[in-house]
C-alpha atoms as a PDB file:
ATOM      1  CA  UNK A   1      -0.042   0.009   0.008  1.00  0.00           C
ATOM      2  CA  UNK A   2       1.413   3.330  -1.131  1.00  0.00           C
ATOM      3  CA  UNK A   3       0.166   6.700   0.185  1.00  0.00           C
ATOM      4  CA  UNK A   4      -0.755   9.476  -2.337  1.00  0.00           C
ATOM      5  CA  UNK A   5       2.056  11.784  -0.903  1.00  0.00           C
ATOM      6  CA  UNK A   6       4.826   9.414  -2.271  1.00  0.00           C
ATOM      7  CA  UNK A   7       5.478  11.273  -5.526  1.00  0.00           C
ATOM      8  CA  UNK A   8       8.767  11.853  -7.501  1.00  0.00           C
ATOM      9  CA  UNK A   9       9.257  15.121  -5.541  1.00  0.00           C
ATOM     10  CA  UNK A  10       9.698  13.175  -2.358  1.00  0.00           C
ATOM     11  CA  UNK A  11      12.953  11.806  -3.572  1.00  0.00           C
ATOM     12  CA  UNK A  12      14.590  15.209  -4.190  1.00  0.00           C
ATOM     13  CA  UNK A  13      17.660  15.955  -1.988  1.00  0.00           C
ATOM     14  CA  UNK A  14      18.124  12.464  -0.747  1.00  0.00           C
ATOM     15  CA  UNK A  15      21.595  11.398   0.587  1.00  0.00           C
ATOM     16  CA  UNK A  16      22.095   7.828  -0.299  1.00  0.00           C
ATOM     17  CA  UNK A  17      25.107   7.597   1.938  1.00  0.00           C
ATOM     18  CA  UNK A  18      23.396   8.676   5.116  1.00  0.00           C
ATOM     19  CA  UNK A  19      23.246   6.406   8.092  1.00  0.00           C
ATOM     20  CA  UNK A  20      20.171   5.214  10.032  1.00  0.00           C
ATOM     21  CA  UNK A  21      20.601   5.352  13.675  1.00  0.00           C
ATOM     22  CA  UNK A  22      18.329   3.534  16.171  1.00  0.00           C
ATOM     23  CA  UNK A  23      17.069   4.625  19.504  1.00  0.00           C
ATOM     24  CA  UNK A  24      14.691   2.961  21.983  1.00  0.00           C
ATOM     25  CA  UNK A  25      13.222   3.360  25.412  1.00  0.00           C
ATOM     26  CA  UNK A  26       9.999   2.854  27.454  1.00  0.00           C
ATOM     27  CA  UNK A  27       6.959   5.030  27.834  1.00  0.00           C
ATOM     28  CA  UNK A  28       3.170   4.678  28.572  1.00  0.00           C
ATOM     29  CA  UNK A  29       3.593   1.147  29.762  1.00  0.00           C
ATOM     30  CA  UNK A  30       5.178   0.017  26.499  1.00  0.00           C
ATOM     31  CA  UNK A  31       8.358   0.252  24.406  1.00  0.00           C
ATOM     32  CA  UNK A  32       9.199   2.938  21.902  1.00  0.00           C
ATOM     33  CA  UNK A  33      11.693   2.899  19.010  1.00  0.00           C
ATOM     34  CA  UNK A  34      13.051   5.310  16.465  1.00  0.00           C
ATOM     35  CA  UNK A  35      14.934   4.801  13.171  1.00  0.00           C
ATOM     36  CA  UNK A  36      16.269   8.139  12.146  1.00  0.00           C
ATOM     37  CA  UNK A  37      18.488   9.231   9.198  1.00  0.00           C
ATOM     38  CA  UNK A  38      21.487  11.366  10.367  1.00  0.00           C
ATOM     39  CA  UNK A  39      19.938  12.577  13.644  1.00  0.00           C
ATOM     40  CA  UNK A  40      21.659  15.266  15.847  1.00  0.00           C
ATOM     41  CA  UNK A  41      23.301  14.489  19.192  1.00  0.00           C
ATOM     42  CA  UNK A  42      20.620  14.313  21.903  1.00  0.00           C
ATOM     43  CA  UNK A  43      17.974  12.884  19.666  1.00  0.00           C
ATOM     44  CA  UNK A  44      17.215   9.986  22.062  1.00  0.00           C
ATOM     45  CA  UNK A  45      16.947  12.279  25.078  1.00  0.00           C
ATOM     46  CA  UNK A  46      14.725  14.658  23.169  1.00  0.00           C
ATOM     47  CA  UNK A  47      12.263  12.011  22.079  1.00  0.00           C
ATOM     48  CA  UNK A  48      12.131  10.556  25.616  1.00  0.00           C
ATOM     49  CA  UNK A  49      11.474  14.009  26.989  1.00  0.00           C
ATOM     50  CA  UNK A  50       8.483  14.471  24.619  1.00  0.00           C
ATOM     51  CA  UNK A  51       7.039  11.220  25.783  1.00  0.00           C
ATOM     52  CA  UNK A  52       7.690  12.115  29.421  1.00  0.00           C
ATOM     53  CA  UNK A  53       5.742  15.304  28.909  1.00  0.00           C
ATOM     54  CA  UNK A  54       2.758  13.247  27.614  1.00  0.00           C
ATOM     55  CA  UNK A  55       2.923  10.886  30.707  1.00  0.00           C
ATOM     56  CA  UNK A  56       3.213  13.896  33.095  1.00  0.00           C
ATOM     57  CA  UNK A  57       0.198  15.420  31.810  1.00  0.00           C
ATOM     58  CA  UNK A  58      -2.128  12.525  30.697  1.00  0.00           C
ATOM     59  CA  UNK A  59      -1.364   9.409  32.648  1.00  0.00           C
ATOM     60  CA  UNK A  60      -4.118   8.078  34.729  1.00  0.00           C
ATOM     61  CA  UNK A  61      -1.524   5.975  36.672  1.00  0.00           C
ATOM     62  CA  UNK A  62       0.511   8.992  37.702  1.00  0.00           C
ATOM     63  CA  UNK A  63      -1.141  10.540  40.888  1.00  0.00           C
ATOM     64  CA  UNK A  64       0.317  13.973  40.135  1.00  0.00           C
ATOM     65  CA  UNK A  65      -0.370  14.091  36.432  1.00  0.00           C
ATOM     66  CA  UNK A  66      -2.696  16.857  35.168  1.00  0.00           C
ATOM     67  CA  UNK A  67      -5.211  14.271  34.192  1.00  0.00           C
ATOM     68  CA  UNK A  68      -5.230  12.706  37.699  1.00  0.00           C
ATOM     69  CA  UNK A  69      -5.476  16.130  39.354  1.00  0.00           C
ATOM     70  CA  UNK A  70      -8.317  17.083  37.206  1.00  0.00           C
ATOM     71  CA  UNK A  71     -10.230  13.879  37.875  1.00  0.00           C
ATOM     72  CA  UNK A  72      -9.868  14.534  41.583  1.00  0.00           C
ATOM     73  CA  UNK A  73     -10.713  18.225  41.450  1.00  0.00           C
ATOM     74  CA  UNK A  74     -14.206  19.560  42.268  1.00  0.00           C
ATOM     75  CA  UNK A  75     -16.690  19.015  39.580  1.00  0.00           C
ATOM     76  CA  UNK A  76     -18.125  22.071  37.758  1.00  0.00           C
ATOM     77  CA  UNK A  77     -14.948  24.277  38.190  1.00  0.00           C
ATOM     78  CA  UNK A  78     -12.928  25.429  35.227  1.00  0.00           C
ATOM     79  CA  UNK A  79      -9.385  24.028  35.209  1.00  0.00           C
ATOM     80  CA  UNK A  80      -6.485  25.488  33.058  1.00  0.00           C
ATOM     81  CA  UNK A  81      -4.617  22.833  31.131  1.00  0.00           C
ATOM     82  CA  UNK A  82      -1.328  22.709  29.256  1.00  0.00           C
ATOM     83  CA  UNK A  83      -1.252  23.141  25.436  1.00  0.00           C
ATOM     84  CA  UNK A  84      -0.538  19.486  24.751  1.00  0.00           C
ATOM     85  CA  UNK A  85      -3.409  18.406  26.966  1.00  0.00           C
ATOM     86  CA  UNK A  86      -5.612  20.875  25.085  1.00  0.00           C
ATOM     87  CA  UNK A  87      -4.627  19.466  21.773  1.00  0.00           C
ATOM     88  CA  UNK A  88      -5.759  16.010  22.824  1.00  0.00           C
ATOM     89  CA  UNK A  89      -9.042  17.274  24.248  1.00  0.00           C
ATOM     90  CA  UNK A  90      -9.749  19.084  21.039  1.00  0.00           C
ATOM     91  CA  UNK A  91      -9.022  16.054  18.855  1.00  0.00           C
ATOM     92  CA  UNK A  92     -10.955  13.638  21.169  1.00  0.00           C
ATOM     93  CA  UNK A  93     -14.034  15.965  21.289  1.00  0.00           C
ATOM     94  CA  UNK A  94     -13.948  16.200  17.368  1.00  0.00           C
ATOM     95  CA  UNK A  95     -13.732  12.459  16.889  1.00  0.00           C
ATOM     96  CA  UNK A  96     -16.534  11.960  19.435  1.00  0.00           C
ATOM     97  CA  UNK A  97     -18.776  14.395  17.651  1.00  0.00           C
ATOM     98  CA  UNK A  98     -18.130  13.107  14.250  1.00  0.00           C
ATOM     99  CA  UNK A  99     -18.544   9.525  15.363  1.00  0.00           C
ATOM    100  CA  UNK A 100     -21.908  10.091  17.012  1.00  0.00           C
ATOM    101  CA  UNK A 101     -20.564   9.439  20.445  1.00  0.00           C
ATOM    102  CA  UNK A 102     -18.571   6.230  19.606  1.00  0.00           C
ATOM    103  CA  UNK A 103     -15.423   7.914  21.111  1.00  0.00           C
ATOM    104  CA  UNK A 104     -15.267   9.611  24.568  1.00  0.00           C
ATOM    105  CA  UNK A 105     -12.506  11.032  26.688  1.00  0.00           C
ATOM    106  CA  UNK A 106     -14.681  10.623  29.773  1.00  0.00           C
ATOM    107  CA  UNK A 107     -14.568   6.898  30.400  1.00  0.00           C
ATOM    108  CA  UNK A 108     -12.290   7.071  33.472  1.00  0.00           C
ATOM    109  CA  UNK A 109     -15.009   5.933  35.874  1.00  0.00           C
ATOM    110  CA  UNK A 110     -16.126   3.180  33.609  1.00  0.00           C
ATOM    111  CA  UNK A 111     -12.607   1.869  33.083  1.00  0.00           C
ATOM    112  CA  UNK A 112     -12.071   1.755  36.849  1.00  0.00           C
ATOM    113  CA  UNK A 113     -15.319  -0.073  37.449  1.00  0.00           C
ATOM    114  CA  UNK A 114     -14.353  -2.774  35.010  1.00  0.00           C
ATOM    115  CA  UNK A 115     -10.813  -3.034  36.259  1.00  0.00           C
ATOM    116  CA  UNK A 116      -8.860  -1.374  33.390  1.00  0.00           C
ATOM    117  CA  UNK A 117      -7.799   1.664  35.410  1.00  0.00           C
ATOM    118  CA  UNK A 118      -5.142   2.420  37.903  1.00  0.00           C
ATOM    119  CA  UNK A 119      -6.764   0.453  40.665  1.00  0.00           C
ATOM    120  CA  UNK A 120      -6.280  -2.834  38.711  1.00  0.00           C
ATOM    121  CA  UNK A 121      -8.449  -5.861  37.880  1.00  0.00           C
ATOM    122  CA  UNK A 122     -11.766  -6.678  39.508  1.00  0.00           C
ATOM    123  CA  UNK A 123     -13.200  -9.996  40.396  1.00  0.00           C
ATOM    124  CA  UNK A 124     -16.908  -9.346  39.964  1.00  0.00           C
ATOM    125  CA  UNK A 125     -18.647  -7.848  36.976  1.00  0.00           C
ATOM    126  CA  UNK A 126     -20.088  -4.328  37.842  1.00  0.00           C
ATOM    127  CA  UNK A 127     -23.869  -4.346  38.371  1.00  0.00           C
ATOM    128  CA  UNK A 128     -24.030  -0.962  36.707  1.00  0.00           C
ATOM    129  CA  UNK A 129     -21.558   0.969  34.723  1.00  0.00           C
ATOM    130  CA  UNK A 130     -22.800   4.366  33.910  1.00  0.00           C
ATOM    131  CA  UNK A 131     -20.908   6.492  31.356  1.00  0.00           C
ATOM    132  CA  UNK A 132     -20.662  10.335  31.732  1.00  0.00           C
ATOM    133  CA  UNK A 133     -20.015  12.573  28.907  1.00  0.00           C
ATOM    134  CA  UNK A 134     -20.118  15.943  30.719  1.00  0.00           C
ATOM    135  CA  UNK A 135     -16.926  17.611  29.538  1.00  0.00           C
ATOM    136  CA  UNK A 136     -16.788  21.237  28.520  1.00  0.00           C
ATOM    137  CA  UNK A 137     -13.833  22.726  26.723  1.00  0.00           C
ATOM    138  CA  UNK A 138     -12.969  26.419  26.243  1.00  0.00           C
ATOM    139  CA  UNK A 139     -10.186  26.561  23.675  1.00  0.00           C
ATOM    140  CA  UNK A 140      -9.500  30.282  23.970  1.00  0.00           C
ATOM    141  CA  UNK A 141      -9.012  30.110  27.693  1.00  0.00           C
ATOM    142  CA  UNK A 142      -7.487  26.584  27.311  1.00  0.00           C
ATOM    143  CA  UNK A 143      -9.598  25.399  30.189  1.00  0.00           C
ATOM    144  CA  UNK A 144     -11.902  22.437  30.785  1.00  0.00           C
ATOM    145  CA  UNK A 145     -14.530  21.488  33.398  1.00  0.00           C
ATOM    146  CA  UNK A 146     -16.382  18.349  34.114  1.00  0.00           C
ATOM    147  CA  UNK A 147     -19.778  17.364  35.340  1.00  0.00           C
ATOM    148  CA  UNK A 148     -20.113  15.208  38.545  1.00  0.00           C
ATOM    149  CA  UNK A 149     -19.054  11.624  37.623  1.00  0.00           C
ATOM    150  CA  UNK A 150     -17.184  12.460  34.497  1.00  0.00           C
ATOM    151  CA  UNK A 151     -13.489  11.327  34.771  1.00  0.00           C
ATOM    152  CA  UNK A 152     -11.030  11.595  31.938  1.00  0.00           C
ATOM    153  CA  UNK A 153      -9.296   8.636  30.367  1.00  0.00           C
ATOM    154  CA  UNK A 154      -6.994   9.352  27.367  1.00  0.00           C
ATOM    155  CA  UNK A 155      -5.926   5.653  26.797  1.00  0.00           C
ATOM    156  CA  UNK A 156      -7.683   5.656  23.423  1.00  0.00           C
ATOM    157  CA  UNK A 157      -5.663   8.467  21.921  1.00  0.00           C
ATOM    158  CA  UNK A 158      -2.619   9.379  24.084  1.00  0.00           C
ATOM    159  CA  UNK A 159      -0.114   7.003  22.505  1.00  0.00           C
ATOM    160  CA  UNK A 160      -0.969   8.373  19.088  1.00  0.00           C
ATOM    161  CA  UNK A 161      -0.560  11.985  20.363  1.00  0.00           C
ATOM    162  CA  UNK A 162       2.772  10.996  21.926  1.00  0.00           C
ATOM    163  CA  UNK A 163       4.024   9.754  18.606  1.00  0.00           C
ATOM    164  CA  UNK A 164       2.989  13.102  17.058  1.00  0.00           C
ATOM    165  CA  UNK A 165       4.590  15.239  19.735  1.00  0.00           C
ATOM    166  CA  UNK A 166       7.941  13.445  19.423  1.00  0.00           C
ATOM    167  CA  UNK A 167       7.688  13.530  15.632  1.00  0.00           C
ATOM    168  CA  UNK A 168       7.152  17.306  15.692  1.00  0.00           C
ATOM    169  CA  UNK A 169      10.161  17.716  17.951  1.00  0.00           C
ATOM    170  CA  UNK A 170      12.257  15.765  15.513  1.00  0.00           C
ATOM    171  CA  UNK A 171      11.044  17.751  12.506  1.00  0.00           C
ATOM    172  CA  UNK A 172      11.860  20.925  14.499  1.00  0.00           C
ATOM    173  CA  UNK A 173      15.443  19.647  15.035  1.00  0.00           C
ATOM    174  CA  UNK A 174      15.856  19.156  11.242  1.00  0.00           C
ATOM    175  CA  UNK A 175      15.290  15.372  11.184  1.00  0.00           C
ATOM    176  CA  UNK A 176      13.279  14.802   8.064  1.00  0.00           C
ATOM    177  CA  UNK A 177      13.546  11.021   7.530  1.00  0.00           C
ATOM    178  CA  UNK A 178      12.479   8.757  10.318  1.00  0.00           C
ATOM    179  CA  UNK A 179      10.287   5.914  11.512  1.00  0.00           C
ATOM    180  CA  UNK A 180       8.924   6.332  15.074  1.00  0.00           C
ATOM    181  CA  UNK A 181       6.836   3.822  17.011  1.00  0.00           C
ATOM    182  CA  UNK A 182       5.224   3.564  20.448  1.00  0.00           C
ATOM    183  CA  UNK A 183       3.526   0.299  21.264  1.00  0.00           C
ATOM    184  CA  UNK A 184       2.345  -0.436  17.759  1.00  0.00           C
ATOM    185  CA  UNK A 185       1.437   3.074  16.780  1.00  0.00           C
ATOM    186  CA  UNK A 186       3.703   4.354  14.020  1.00  0.00           C
ATOM    187  CA  UNK A 187       4.627   7.503  12.040  1.00  0.00           C
ATOM    188  CA  UNK A 188       6.927   7.614   9.116  1.00  0.00           C
ATOM    189  CA  UNK A 189       8.398  10.667   7.668  1.00  0.00           C
ATOM    190  CA  UNK A 190      10.496  11.056   4.420  1.00  0.00           C
ATOM    191  CA  UNK A 191      12.407   8.074   3.018  1.00  0.00           C
ATOM    192  CA  UNK A 192      15.256   5.604   3.863  1.00  0.00           C
ATOM    193  CA  UNK A 193      18.658   6.463   2.488  1.00  0.00           C
ATOM    194  CA  UNK A 194      18.253   3.814  -0.252  1.00  0.00           C
ATOM    195  CA  UNK A 195      15.159   5.614  -1.508  1.00  0.00           C
ATOM    196  CA  UNK A 196      12.707   3.207  -0.100  1.00  0.00           C
ATOM    197  CA  UNK A 197       9.856   4.361   2.104  1.00  0.00           C
ATOM    198  CA  UNK A 198       9.487   3.058   5.546  1.00  0.00           C
ATOM    199  CA  UNK A 199       7.604  -0.228   5.030  1.00  0.00           C
ATOM    200  CA  UNK A 200       5.722  -1.659   7.980  1.00  0.00           C
ATOM    201  CA  UNK A 201       3.428  -4.572   8.350  1.00  0.00           C
ATOM    202  CA  UNK A 202      -0.051  -3.962   9.622  1.00  0.00           C
ATOM    203  CA  UNK A 203      -0.645  -5.713  12.797  1.00  0.00           C
ATOM    204  CA  UNK A 204      -3.259  -8.571  12.566  1.00  0.00           C
ATOM    205  CA  UNK A 205      -4.847 -10.677  15.370  1.00  0.00           C
ATOM    206  CA  UNK A 206      -3.228 -13.958  16.326  1.00  0.00           C
ATOM    207  CA  UNK A 207      -4.499 -16.891  14.193  1.00  0.00           C
ATOM    208  CA  UNK A 208      -6.165 -14.456  11.799  1.00  0.00           C
ATOM    209  CA  UNK A 209      -6.600 -16.565   8.536  1.00  0.00           C
ATOM    210  CA  UNK A 210      -5.705 -13.923   6.018  1.00  0.00           C
ATOM    211  CA  UNK A 211      -2.328 -12.327   5.239  1.00  0.00           C
ATOM    212  CA  UNK A 212      -1.610  -8.844   6.548  1.00  0.00           C
ATOM    213  CA  UNK A 213      -0.936  -5.716   4.629  1.00  0.00           C
ATOM    214  CA  UNK A 214       2.390  -3.850   4.045  1.00  0.00           C
ATOM    215  CA  UNK A 215       2.198  -0.058   4.099  1.00  0.00           C
ATOM    216  CA  UNK A 216       4.652   2.591   2.980  1.00  0.00           C
ATOM    217  CA  UNK A 217       4.746   5.061   5.797  1.00  0.00           C
ATOM    218  CA  UNK A 218       5.862   8.172   3.913  1.00  0.00           C
ATOM    219  CA  UNK A 219       4.479  11.213   5.753  1.00  0.00           C
ATOM    220  CA  UNK A 220       1.829   8.920   7.212  1.00  0.00           C
ATOM    221  CA  UNK A 221       0.799   7.317  10.514  1.00  0.00           C
ATOM    222  CA  UNK A 222      -0.795   3.963  11.330  1.00  0.00           C
ATOM    223  CA  UNK A 223      -2.684   2.853  14.493  1.00  0.00           C
ATOM    224  CA  UNK A 224      -4.367  -0.501  15.323  1.00  0.00           C
ATOM    225  CA  UNK A 225      -6.972  -1.179  17.881  1.00  0.00           C
ATOM    226  CA  UNK A 226      -7.537  -4.786  18.728  1.00  0.00           C
ATOM    227  CA  UNK A 227      -9.530  -6.969  21.217  1.00  0.00           C
ATOM    228  CA  UNK A 228      -6.592  -9.247  21.492  1.00  0.00           C
ATOM    229  CA  UNK A 229      -4.303  -6.683  23.163  1.00  0.00           C
ATOM    230  CA  UNK A 230      -6.043  -6.197  26.431  1.00  0.00           C
ATOM    231  CA  UNK A 231      -9.053  -7.853  28.133  1.00  0.00           C
ATOM    232  CA  UNK A 232     -10.514  -9.083  31.342  1.00  0.00           C
ATOM    233  CA  UNK A 233     -11.795 -12.477  32.361  1.00  0.00           C
ATOM    234  CA  UNK A 234     -14.533 -12.660  34.998  1.00  0.00           C
ATOM    235  CA  UNK A 235     -16.311 -15.872  35.805  1.00  0.00           C
ATOM    236  CA  UNK A 236     -14.940 -17.551  32.657  1.00  0.00           C
ATOM    237  CA  UNK A 237     -16.232 -14.763  30.381  1.00  0.00           C
ATOM    238  CA  UNK A 238     -13.721 -12.631  28.444  1.00  0.00           C
ATOM    239  CA  UNK A 239     -14.535  -8.908  28.100  1.00  0.00           C
ATOM    240  CA  UNK A 240     -12.981  -6.440  25.681  1.00  0.00           C
ATOM    241  CA  UNK A 241     -11.059  -3.426  26.902  1.00  0.00           C
ATOM    242  CA  UNK A 242     -12.971  -1.371  24.425  1.00  0.00           C
ATOM    243  CA  UNK A 243     -16.117   0.179  25.734  1.00  0.00           C
ATOM    244  CA  UNK A 244     -19.077   1.648  23.899  1.00  0.00           C
ATOM    245  CA  UNK A 245     -19.653   5.130  25.492  1.00  0.00           C
ATOM    246  CA  UNK A 246     -23.176   5.082  24.383  1.00  0.00           C
ATOM    247  CA  UNK A 247     -24.045   1.971  26.474  1.00  0.00           C
ATOM    248  CA  UNK A 248     -21.416   1.724  29.154  1.00  0.00           C
ATOM    249  CA  UNK A 249     -20.702  -1.772  28.277  1.00  0.00           C
ATOM    250  CA  UNK A 250     -17.570  -3.584  26.650  1.00  0.00           C
ATOM    251  CA  UNK A 251     -18.133  -4.097  22.997  1.00  0.00           C
ATOM    252  CA  UNK A 252     -19.378  -7.460  21.623  1.00  0.00           C
ATOM    253  CA  UNK A 253     -19.705  -6.745  17.906  1.00  0.00           C
ATOM    254  CA  UNK A 254     -17.240  -9.368  16.532  1.00  0.00           C
ATOM    255  CA  UNK A 255     -14.476  -6.779  15.671  1.00  0.00           C
ATOM    256  CA  UNK A 256     -11.074  -8.217  16.183  1.00  0.00           C
ATOM    257  CA  UNK A 257      -9.053  -5.281  15.061  1.00  0.00           C
ATOM    258  CA  UNK A 258      -9.219  -1.970  13.304  1.00  0.00           C
ATOM    259  CA  UNK A 259      -6.387  -0.259  11.517  1.00  0.00           C
ATOM    260  CA  UNK A 260      -6.476   3.383  10.432  1.00  0.00           C
ATOM    261  CA  UNK A 261      -4.002   5.414   8.271  1.00  0.00           C
ATOM    262  CA  UNK A 262      -3.889   9.144   8.773  1.00  0.00           C
ATOM    263  CA  UNK A 263      -1.356  11.973   8.484  1.00  0.00           C
ATOM    264  CA  UNK A 264      -1.557  12.435  12.270  1.00  0.00           C
ATOM    265  CA  UNK A 265      -0.988   9.503  14.593  1.00  0.00           C
ATOM    266  CA  UNK A 266      -3.310  11.169  17.065  1.00  0.00           C
ATOM    267  CA  UNK A 267      -6.252  10.931  14.655  1.00  0.00           C
ATOM    268  CA  UNK A 268      -5.314   7.431  13.518  1.00  0.00           C
ATOM    269  CA  UNK A 269      -5.295   6.305  17.141  1.00  0.00           C
ATOM    270  CA  UNK A 270      -8.550   7.905  18.106  1.00  0.00           C
ATOM    271  CA  UNK A 271     -10.309   6.875  14.939  1.00  0.00           C
ATOM    272  CA  UNK A 272      -9.299   3.250  15.300  1.00  0.00           C
ATOM    273  CA  UNK A 273     -10.810   3.343  18.850  1.00  0.00           C
ATOM    274  CA  UNK A 274     -14.064   4.833  17.530  1.00  0.00           C
ATOM    275  CA  UNK A 275     -14.447   2.532  14.560  1.00  0.00           C
ATOM    276  CA  UNK A 276     -13.815  -0.571  16.882  1.00  0.00           C
ATOM    277  CA  UNK A 277     -16.829   0.542  18.899  1.00  0.00           C
ATOM    278  CA  UNK A 278     -19.035   1.040  15.755  1.00  0.00           C
ATOM    279  CA  UNK A 279     -18.482  -2.326  14.277  1.00  0.00           C
ATOM    280  CA  UNK A 280     -17.677  -3.287  10.653  1.00  0.00           C
ATOM    281  CA  UNK A 281     -20.712  -2.054   8.698  1.00  0.00           C
ATOM    282  CA  UNK A 282     -21.205   1.249  10.476  1.00  0.00           C
ATOM    283  CA  UNK A 283     -17.477   1.779  10.873  1.00  0.00           C
ATOM    284  CA  UNK A 284     -16.689   1.409   7.194  1.00  0.00           C
ATOM    285  CA  UNK A 285     -19.700   3.582   6.258  1.00  0.00           C
ATOM    286  CA  UNK A 286     -18.467   6.316   8.550  1.00  0.00           C
ATOM    287  CA  UNK A 287     -14.774   5.869   7.340  1.00  0.00           C
ATOM    288  CA  UNK A 288     -15.999   6.488   3.859  1.00  0.00           C
ATOM    289  CA  UNK A 289     -17.976   9.487   4.912  1.00  0.00           C
ATOM    290  CA  UNK A 290     -14.859  11.007   6.668  1.00  0.00           C
ATOM    291  CA  UNK A 291     -12.449   9.843   3.879  1.00  0.00           C
ATOM    292  CA  UNK A 292     -10.546   7.688   6.336  1.00  0.00           C
ATOM    293  CA  UNK A 293      -8.256   4.851   5.191  1.00  0.00           C
ATOM    294  CA  UNK A 294      -9.506   2.020   7.455  1.00  0.00           C
ATOM    295  CA  UNK A 295      -9.510  -1.811   7.558  1.00  0.00           C
ATOM    296  CA  UNK A 296     -11.711  -3.582   9.878  1.00  0.00           C
ATOM    297  CA  UNK A 297     -11.237  -7.347  10.665  1.00  0.00           C
ATOM    298  CA  UNK A 298     -14.517  -8.785  12.081  1.00  0.00           C
ATOM    299  CA  UNK A 299     -16.279 -12.058  12.202  1.00  0.00           C
ATOM    300  CA  UNK A 300     -13.634 -13.726   9.957  1.00  0.00           C
ATOM    301  CA  UNK A 301     -13.958 -11.079   7.206  1.00  0.00           C
ATOM    302  CA  UNK A 302     -11.910  -8.204   6.061  1.00  0.00           C
ATOM    303  CA  UNK A 303     -13.723  -4.866   5.455  1.00  0.00           C
ATOM    304  CA  UNK A 304     -11.901  -1.891   3.957  1.00  0.00           C
ATOM    305  CA  UNK A 305     -12.905   1.677   3.194  1.00  0.00           C
ATOM    306  CA  UNK A 306     -12.810   3.465  -0.082  1.00  0.00           C
ATOM    307  CA  UNK A 307      -9.750   5.484   0.896  1.00  0.00           C
ATOM    308  CA  UNK A 308      -7.866   2.183   1.845  1.00  0.00           C
ATOM    309  CA  UNK A 309      -8.756   0.638  -1.549  1.00  0.00           C
ATOM    310  CA  UNK A 310      -7.369   3.681  -3.279  1.00  0.00           C
ATOM    311  CA  UNK A 311      -4.053   3.156  -1.784  1.00  0.00           C
ATOM    312  CA  UNK A 312      -3.875  -0.216  -3.632  1.00  0.00           C
ATOM    313  CA  UNK A 313      -4.299   1.310  -7.011  1.00  0.00           C
END
């Protein structure tokens, strides 16, 4: 699969003798890696600092993060938030609106009730699991406030934003050719020194019968949401870690995984989460409406959007 941005102009100024350097580390409960062409000194530290900023602001597992402080602040009061935090709020609210509520940033209480939050697993299925969507955002004042019961959870979008934040730092440092990954969310910029794009294999669920896709990540991001990554077993029943904000229940729609390609990894991550909730038919219909390149694996079948098919031409 080749993105539309990969044109002859992309090859201009390429240095075939440049060296790829590799960096790695840990963040957001997973590993990160970077393959960069001729990066400057301090690249690894700069990328780690970007990820640390995301964790310090958006982690529900860090008691002193901005997200944790907001969740424990009095409901109904406006709280000032950092610029990065505000960017995620804006993206999440946009996806939530365009998906008809299939994506929400306020599933913190729900996640905790089902054992996916900082408190850890639960042994008994919750009797009730209400979902609260009361989040207001003032972009001019860069402030948010919540209704009683609404608690933030950025797990459906934060990794993607972390990739973008680190990628923008790299571009600002003059690094034009790189492949950056955090826990399966990837963003590729430019080309390899040999003129090849950054080819990556799209993740598929274990034992999936079909072959996976190979994607050329040239100025493009990819994110995959899958029911095989995390889950919870209660009384012999397996529950997905993905919740439908409209019902407050784990999804049970046959979706095994959703992969989305987008210029921004933030949007790829958030949309993969939303389309997982919507299911194959509704998800592909919305992907076509939003011009999203999406592939949904569900009930033994592969469903792809119009924009995904166009990348095969």
